Protein backbone atom coordinates (compact mmCIF):
# COMPACT_ATOMS: atom_id res chain seq x y z
CA UNK A 1 7.90 27.92 -2.91
CA UNK A 2 6.81 24.66 -4.53
CA UNK A 3 9.28 22.30 -6.13
CA UNK A 4 9.53 23.01 -9.87
CA UNK A 5 8.91 20.11 -12.23
CA UNK A 6 11.94 18.01 -13.09
CA UNK A 7 12.26 15.13 -15.58
CA UNK A 8 12.05 12.76 -12.60
CA UNK A 9 8.79 14.39 -11.49
CA UNK A 10 7.35 14.19 -15.00
CA UNK A 11 8.23 10.50 -15.05
CA UNK A 12 6.53 10.13 -11.68
CA UNK A 13 3.37 11.77 -13.07
CA UNK A 14 3.34 9.25 -15.91
CA UNK A 15 3.71 6.43 -13.39
CA UNK A 16 0.84 7.86 -11.36
CA UNK A 17 -1.39 7.97 -14.46
CA UNK A 18 -0.54 4.37 -15.28
CA UNK A 19 -1.17 3.36 -11.67
CA UNK A 20 -4.56 5.12 -11.70
CA UNK A 21 -5.56 3.38 -14.92
CA UNK A 22 -4.38 0.01 -13.61
CA UNK A 23 -6.17 0.41 -10.28
CA UNK A 24 -9.42 1.47 -11.95
CA UNK A 25 -9.25 -1.53 -14.29
CA UNK A 26 -8.66 -3.92 -11.38
CA UNK A 27 -11.06 -2.26 -8.96
CA UNK A 28 -14.04 -2.27 -11.33
CA UNK A 29 -13.43 -5.84 -12.51
CA UNK A 30 -13.59 -7.57 -9.11
CA UNK A 31 -16.80 -8.92 -7.59
CA UNK A 32 -16.93 -6.34 -4.78
CA UNK A 33 -15.96 -3.25 -6.76
CA UNK A 34 -13.64 -0.81 -4.98
CA UNK A 35 -11.37 2.14 -5.75
CA UNK A 36 -8.57 3.51 -3.57
CA UNK A 37 -9.65 6.55 -1.57
CA UNK A 38 -6.49 8.45 -2.55
CA UNK A 39 -8.02 8.94 -6.00
CA UNK A 40 -10.75 11.11 -4.49
CA UNK A 41 -8.21 13.92 -4.13
CA UNK A 42 -7.57 15.37 -7.56
CA UNK A 43 -7.84 19.17 -7.98
CA UNK A 44 -11.64 19.16 -7.95
CA UNK A 45 -11.82 16.61 -5.15
CA UNK A 46 -9.39 18.57 -2.98
CA UNK A 47 -11.47 21.72 -3.45
CA UNK A 48 -14.65 19.85 -2.55
CA UNK A 49 -13.00 18.38 0.53
CA UNK A 50 -12.17 21.92 1.61
CA UNK A 51 -15.89 22.68 1.42
CA UNK A 52 -16.72 19.53 3.42
CA UNK A 53 -14.47 20.73 6.22
CA UNK A 54 -16.68 23.78 6.87
CA UNK A 55 -20.02 21.94 6.81
CA UNK A 56 -21.83 22.11 10.19
CA UNK A 57 -22.09 18.31 10.44
CA UNK A 58 -18.38 17.77 9.81
CA UNK A 59 -16.97 18.21 13.30
CA UNK A 60 -13.51 16.78 12.56
CA UNK A 61 -11.75 19.86 11.19
CA UNK A 62 -13.01 22.38 13.72
CA UNK A 63 -12.45 19.96 16.63
CA UNK A 64 -8.87 19.25 15.58
CA UNK A 65 -8.29 22.99 15.07
CA UNK A 66 -9.61 23.72 18.57
CA UNK A 67 -7.18 21.18 20.03
CA UNK A 68 -4.29 22.79 18.16
CA UNK A 69 -5.35 26.26 19.31
CA UNK A 70 -5.42 25.09 22.91
CA UNK A 71 -2.23 23.02 22.94
CA UNK A 72 0.08 24.50 20.28
CA UNK A 73 2.29 25.97 22.99
CA UNK A 74 2.73 22.55 24.63
CA UNK A 75 3.49 20.90 21.28
CA UNK A 76 6.06 23.60 20.54
CA UNK A 77 7.66 23.04 23.94
CA UNK A 78 7.84 19.28 23.34
CA UNK A 79 9.60 19.71 19.98
CA UNK A 80 12.23 22.11 21.30
CA UNK A 81 14.00 24.82 19.32
CA UNK A 82 14.62 24.78 15.57
CA UNK A 83 12.62 22.11 13.79
CA UNK A 84 11.92 20.87 10.28
CA UNK A 85 8.22 20.19 9.83
CA UNK A 86 7.15 17.62 7.23
CA UNK A 87 3.40 17.33 6.66
CA UNK A 88 1.89 14.34 4.87
CA UNK A 89 -1.23 15.20 2.89
CA UNK A 90 -1.05 18.87 3.84
CA UNK A 91 -3.94 20.12 1.71
CA UNK A 92 -4.37 23.86 2.29
CA UNK A 93 -2.28 23.70 5.51
CA UNK A 94 -5.10 25.54 7.29
CA UNK A 95 -4.76 23.71 10.62
CA UNK A 96 -0.97 23.70 10.42
CA UNK A 97 -1.15 27.50 10.28
CA UNK A 98 -2.16 27.43 13.95
CA UNK A 99 1.05 25.65 14.93
CA UNK A 100 3.18 27.76 12.59
CA UNK A 101 1.72 30.94 14.11
CA UNK A 102 2.84 29.87 17.56
CA UNK A 103 6.31 28.87 16.38
CA UNK A 104 6.72 32.12 14.42
CA UNK A 105 6.05 34.15 17.58
CA UNK A 106 8.98 32.38 19.23
CA UNK A 107 11.26 33.41 16.35
CA UNK A 108 12.48 29.88 15.76
CA UNK A 109 14.25 28.83 12.59
CA UNK A 110 11.59 26.74 10.87
CA UNK A 111 11.52 24.88 7.58
CA UNK A 112 8.10 23.57 6.54
CA UNK A 113 7.68 20.87 3.88
CA UNK A 114 3.99 20.43 2.94
CA UNK A 115 3.45 17.28 0.84
CA UNK A 116 0.29 16.80 -1.20
CA UNK A 117 -0.68 15.11 -4.45
CA UNK A 118 -2.52 18.26 -5.59
CA UNK A 119 0.03 20.71 -7.02
CA UNK A 120 -2.58 23.47 -7.30
CA UNK A 121 -3.47 23.22 -3.63
CA UNK A 122 0.23 23.34 -2.72
CA UNK A 123 0.86 26.45 -4.82
CA UNK A 124 -2.13 28.29 -3.34
CA UNK A 125 -1.15 27.25 0.20
CA UNK A 126 2.52 28.18 -0.22
CA UNK A 127 1.65 31.64 -1.54
CA UNK A 128 -0.63 32.29 1.41
CA UNK A 129 1.85 30.98 3.98
CA UNK A 130 4.80 32.87 2.52
CA UNK A 131 2.92 36.16 2.86
CA UNK A 132 1.74 35.28 6.37
CA UNK A 133 5.07 33.89 7.63
CA UNK A 134 7.95 35.62 5.78
CA UNK A 135 10.49 34.17 8.25
CA UNK A 136 9.41 30.54 7.79
CA UNK A 137 10.99 28.66 4.88
CA UNK A 138 8.31 26.79 2.93
CA UNK A 139 9.13 24.10 0.36
CA UNK A 140 6.03 22.44 -1.09
CA UNK A 141 6.43 18.95 -2.55
CA UNK A 142 3.80 17.64 -5.00
CA UNK A 143 3.88 13.90 -4.36
CA UNK A 144 2.44 10.99 -2.45
CA UNK A 145 3.53 10.32 1.14
CA UNK A 146 6.51 8.02 0.64
CA UNK A 147 8.22 9.76 -2.25
CA UNK A 148 7.41 13.18 -0.78
CA UNK A 149 8.98 12.24 2.52
CA UNK A 150 12.14 11.08 0.74
CA UNK A 151 12.37 14.40 -1.13
CA UNK A 152 11.89 16.39 2.08
CA UNK A 153 14.52 14.29 3.84
CA UNK A 154 16.92 14.92 0.92
CA UNK A 155 16.41 18.68 1.25
CA UNK A 156 17.16 18.45 4.97
CA UNK A 157 20.25 16.28 4.51
CA UNK A 158 21.75 18.46 1.76
CA UNK A 159 21.43 21.83 3.49
CA UNK A 160 23.27 22.43 6.75
CA UNK A 161 21.06 25.47 7.39
CA UNK A 162 18.08 23.17 7.86
CA UNK A 163 17.58 21.50 11.23
CA UNK A 164 17.77 17.72 10.99
CA UNK A 165 15.34 17.41 13.89
CA UNK A 166 11.97 16.58 12.36
CA UNK A 167 8.33 16.91 13.35
CA UNK A 168 6.15 14.87 10.98
CA UNK A 169 2.49 15.88 10.82
CA UNK A 170 -0.30 13.56 9.66
CA UNK A 171 -3.45 15.48 10.55
CA UNK A 172 -7.14 15.33 9.72
CA UNK A 173 -7.56 11.68 10.79
CA UNK A 174 -6.09 10.62 7.43
CA UNK A 175 -4.63 7.59 9.19
CA UNK A 176 -8.21 6.36 9.48
CA UNK A 177 -8.42 5.89 5.69
CA UNK A 178 -5.92 3.05 5.95
CA UNK A 179 -6.82 -0.51 6.81
CA UNK A 180 -5.44 -1.29 10.26
CA UNK A 181 -2.59 -3.43 8.93
CA UNK A 182 -1.77 -0.75 6.34
CA UNK A 183 -1.71 1.95 9.02
CA UNK A 184 0.76 -0.12 11.01
CA UNK A 185 3.00 -0.62 7.94
CA UNK A 186 2.91 3.09 7.13
CA UNK A 187 3.98 4.02 10.65
CA UNK A 188 6.67 1.34 10.68
CA UNK A 189 8.04 2.78 7.42
CA UNK A 190 8.08 6.26 8.94
CA UNK A 191 9.77 4.95 12.07
CA UNK A 192 12.60 3.50 9.96
CA UNK A 193 13.23 6.98 8.52
CA UNK A 194 13.10 8.89 11.79
CA UNK A 195 15.77 9.41 14.44
CA UNK A 196 15.13 9.07 18.16
CA UNK A 197 14.95 12.85 18.58
CA UNK A 198 12.24 13.25 15.91
CA UNK A 199 8.49 13.38 16.53
CA UNK A 200 5.22 12.41 14.86
CA UNK A 201 1.89 14.22 15.44
CA UNK A 202 -1.12 12.21 14.27
CA UNK A 203 -4.82 13.05 14.13
CA UNK A 204 -7.21 10.25 15.14
CA UNK A 205 -10.99 10.43 14.97
CA UNK A 206 -12.28 8.70 18.10
CA UNK A 207 -15.20 6.31 18.47
CA UNK A 208 -18.47 8.06 19.34
CA UNK A 209 -22.25 7.92 18.83
CA UNK A 210 -22.88 6.69 15.30
CA UNK A 211 -25.54 9.33 14.67
CA UNK A 212 -22.79 11.97 14.87
CA UNK A 213 -20.61 9.96 12.50
CA UNK A 214 -23.35 9.26 9.96
CA UNK A 215 -24.31 12.94 9.86
CA UNK A 216 -20.70 14.00 9.30
CA UNK A 217 -20.43 11.95 6.11
CA UNK A 218 -23.93 12.76 4.82
CA UNK A 219 -24.07 16.56 5.09
CA UNK A 220 -27.39 18.19 4.20
CA UNK A 221 -25.75 20.40 1.57
CA UNK A 222 -24.64 17.29 -0.34
CA UNK A 223 -20.99 18.34 -0.59
CA UNK A 224 -19.71 14.89 0.47
CA UNK A 225 -21.95 13.33 -2.18
CA UNK A 226 -20.40 15.56 -4.86
CA UNK A 227 -16.93 14.74 -3.50
CA UNK A 228 -17.62 11.01 -3.78
CA UNK A 229 -19.20 11.25 -7.25
CA UNK A 230 -16.25 13.31 -8.46
CA UNK A 231 -14.24 10.09 -8.48
CA UNK A 232 -16.35 8.87 -11.40
CA UNK A 233 -16.01 12.30 -13.03
CA UNK A 234 -12.24 11.93 -12.68
CA UNK A 235 -12.37 8.58 -14.49
CA UNK A 236 -14.33 10.35 -17.24
CA UNK A 237 -11.84 13.24 -17.45
CA UNK A 238 -8.59 11.31 -17.27
CA UNK A 239 -9.46 7.90 -18.70
CA UNK A 240 -12.26 8.69 -21.13
CA UNK A 241 -14.91 7.04 -19.00
CA UNK A 242 -18.60 7.23 -19.91
CA UNK A 243 -20.05 7.30 -16.41
CA UNK A 244 -23.41 9.05 -16.12
CA UNK A 245 -23.13 10.55 -12.62
CA UNK A 246 -26.91 10.83 -12.40
CA UNK A 247 -27.10 7.03 -12.40
CA UNK A 248 -25.03 6.69 -9.22
CA UNK A 249 -25.73 7.79 -5.65
CA UNK A 250 -23.54 8.54 -2.63
CA UNK A 251 -23.96 6.11 0.27
CA UNK A 252 -22.08 6.41 3.59
CA UNK A 253 -22.77 4.60 6.86
CA UNK A 254 -21.09 3.56 10.10
CA UNK A 255 -20.11 -0.11 10.29
CA UNK A 256 -20.48 -0.96 14.01
CA UNK A 257 -18.54 -4.22 13.80
CA UNK A 258 -15.47 -2.69 12.17
CA UNK A 259 -15.67 0.75 13.84
CA UNK A 260 -15.46 2.56 10.54
CA UNK A 261 -17.41 4.79 8.21
CA UNK A 262 -17.78 3.18 4.79
CA UNK A 263 -18.34 5.30 1.70
CA UNK A 264 -19.78 3.80 -1.48
CA UNK A 265 -21.21 4.79 -4.85
CA UNK A 266 -24.42 2.90 -5.62
CA UNK A 267 -25.60 2.10 -9.13
CA UNK A 268 -29.24 3.20 -9.41
CA UNK A 269 -29.89 0.92 -12.34
CA UNK A 270 -28.45 -1.99 -14.29
CA UNK A 271 -25.95 -0.45 -16.68
CA UNK A 272 -22.80 -0.86 -18.77
CA UNK A 273 -20.02 1.74 -18.64
CA UNK A 274 -17.21 1.99 -21.20
CA UNK A 275 -13.78 3.41 -20.25
CA UNK A 276 -11.87 4.37 -23.41
CA UNK A 277 -8.30 4.39 -22.00
CA UNK A 278 -8.83 0.88 -20.69
CA UNK A 279 -10.66 -0.38 -23.77
CA UNK A 280 -13.13 -2.11 -21.47
CA UNK A 281 -16.78 -2.06 -20.54
CA UNK A 282 -17.83 -2.66 -16.92
CA UNK A 283 -21.23 -4.03 -15.91
CA UNK A 284 -23.15 -2.78 -12.88
CA UNK A 285 -26.23 -4.35 -11.39
CA UNK A 286 -28.96 -2.23 -9.81
CA UNK A 287 -27.90 -1.57 -6.21
CA UNK A 288 -24.31 -2.69 -6.82
CA UNK A 289 -21.71 -0.48 -5.17
CA UNK A 290 -18.18 0.80 -5.65
CA UNK A 291 -16.48 1.00 -2.25
CA UNK A 292 -14.54 4.28 -2.30
CA UNK A 293 -13.37 4.97 1.27
CA UNK A 294 -13.12 3.70 4.81
CA UNK A 295 -12.58 5.96 7.80
CA UNK A 296 -11.65 3.98 10.92
CA UNK A 297 -12.50 5.38 14.34
CA UNK A 298 -10.05 4.60 17.13
CA UNK A 299 -10.07 4.28 20.90
CA UNK A 300 -7.17 5.64 22.95
CA UNK A 301 -6.17 2.08 23.82
CA UNK A 302 -6.01 1.17 20.12
CA UNK A 303 -3.83 4.21 19.45
CA UNK A 304 -1.39 3.13 22.16
CA UNK A 305 -1.19 -0.40 20.71
CA UNK A 306 -0.69 0.95 17.18
CA UNK A 307 2.14 3.18 18.42
CA UNK A 308 3.88 0.34 20.23
CA UNK A 309 3.51 -2.08 17.32
CA UNK A 310 5.02 0.53 14.99
CA UNK A 311 8.08 1.38 17.09
CA UNK A 312 6.71 4.52 18.74
CA UNK A 313 5.56 5.55 22.20
CA UNK A 314 2.65 7.90 22.89
CA UNK A 315 4.24 10.88 24.59
CA UNK A 316 0.98 12.81 24.93
CA UNK A 317 -2.69 12.61 23.89
CA UNK A 318 -4.38 15.95 23.20
CA UNK A 319 -8.16 15.54 23.14
CA UNK A 320 -11.18 17.83 23.18
CA UNK A 321 -13.65 17.94 26.08
CA UNK A 322 -16.07 15.53 24.39
CA UNK A 323 -13.21 13.15 23.54
CA UNK A 324 -14.33 13.14 19.91
CA UNK A 325 -10.84 13.62 18.48
CA UNK A 326 -7.24 12.96 19.51
CA UNK A 327 -3.98 14.55 18.45
CA UNK A 328 -1.45 11.92 19.47
CA UNK A 329 2.16 13.00 19.95
CA UNK A 330 4.44 10.05 19.18
CA UNK A 331 8.16 9.73 19.80
CA UNK A 332 10.32 6.92 18.40
CA UNK A 333 10.93 4.28 21.05
């Protein structure tokens, strides 16, 4: 099931609209234009990201899935019996299905709380999971990370049938979309909400040859380009923007100095774009960009430092043979 809409949730949706409008106004007015990567994931964006995940150049999803397939039994052993699983940014829950399959075989009492900003994705995922795992209790929460976690924690606290021992999942290298200081603050916030017998499983994309990285974010089919450009289409749909998508191009590259992929939208020409809901016109020079996403690539040493600085200890690193990706199993220290 997915949480039904309440007056509080409707109010939250209004706040999210206002936040989107405010962030677009601020992000397009500054000298180095930028928009928060979380706005890439509306309904259309989430569907496009699902298509990105199966592109041959995009190794991340299949590599992480292979790690889960190989080590799900070890992860299950580490968590112990009866667990409440909270997943931040769950999407379609496709990789989580691997872990749930292993836990279901062991006939454990499992409650799964997928959290995602896309309600449609949650509904589709919950329906699929409920038919696949009739003995696992699924409660989808349409929200951002922080509020969604609070709602999941409230469910757990108010029902004595639900195990208060938690496994928090943050897969897909989503942690890489945060600036390093932001990632640390996010994990510190999670640590404050977790008990010493809880766990956190995080996906980290590891540093590797930049040709592999550049190809992953510039697939030949152009799906990532459509995903990036959809952000402008979203401004058009929700804020009455007048962006001509044909006048912008997708641009992604690996920044060696900062160990991150940067994703931008480049204006092909000098132009003015009006956004009705903001009552403003924004000027773009030819070649000017809107910075839409960063994806930081970590080393194992950096992961250990991040864990320690955030109040966690790395209990186990699960990597693939090429050491392209790491599933890091954290425990509160």
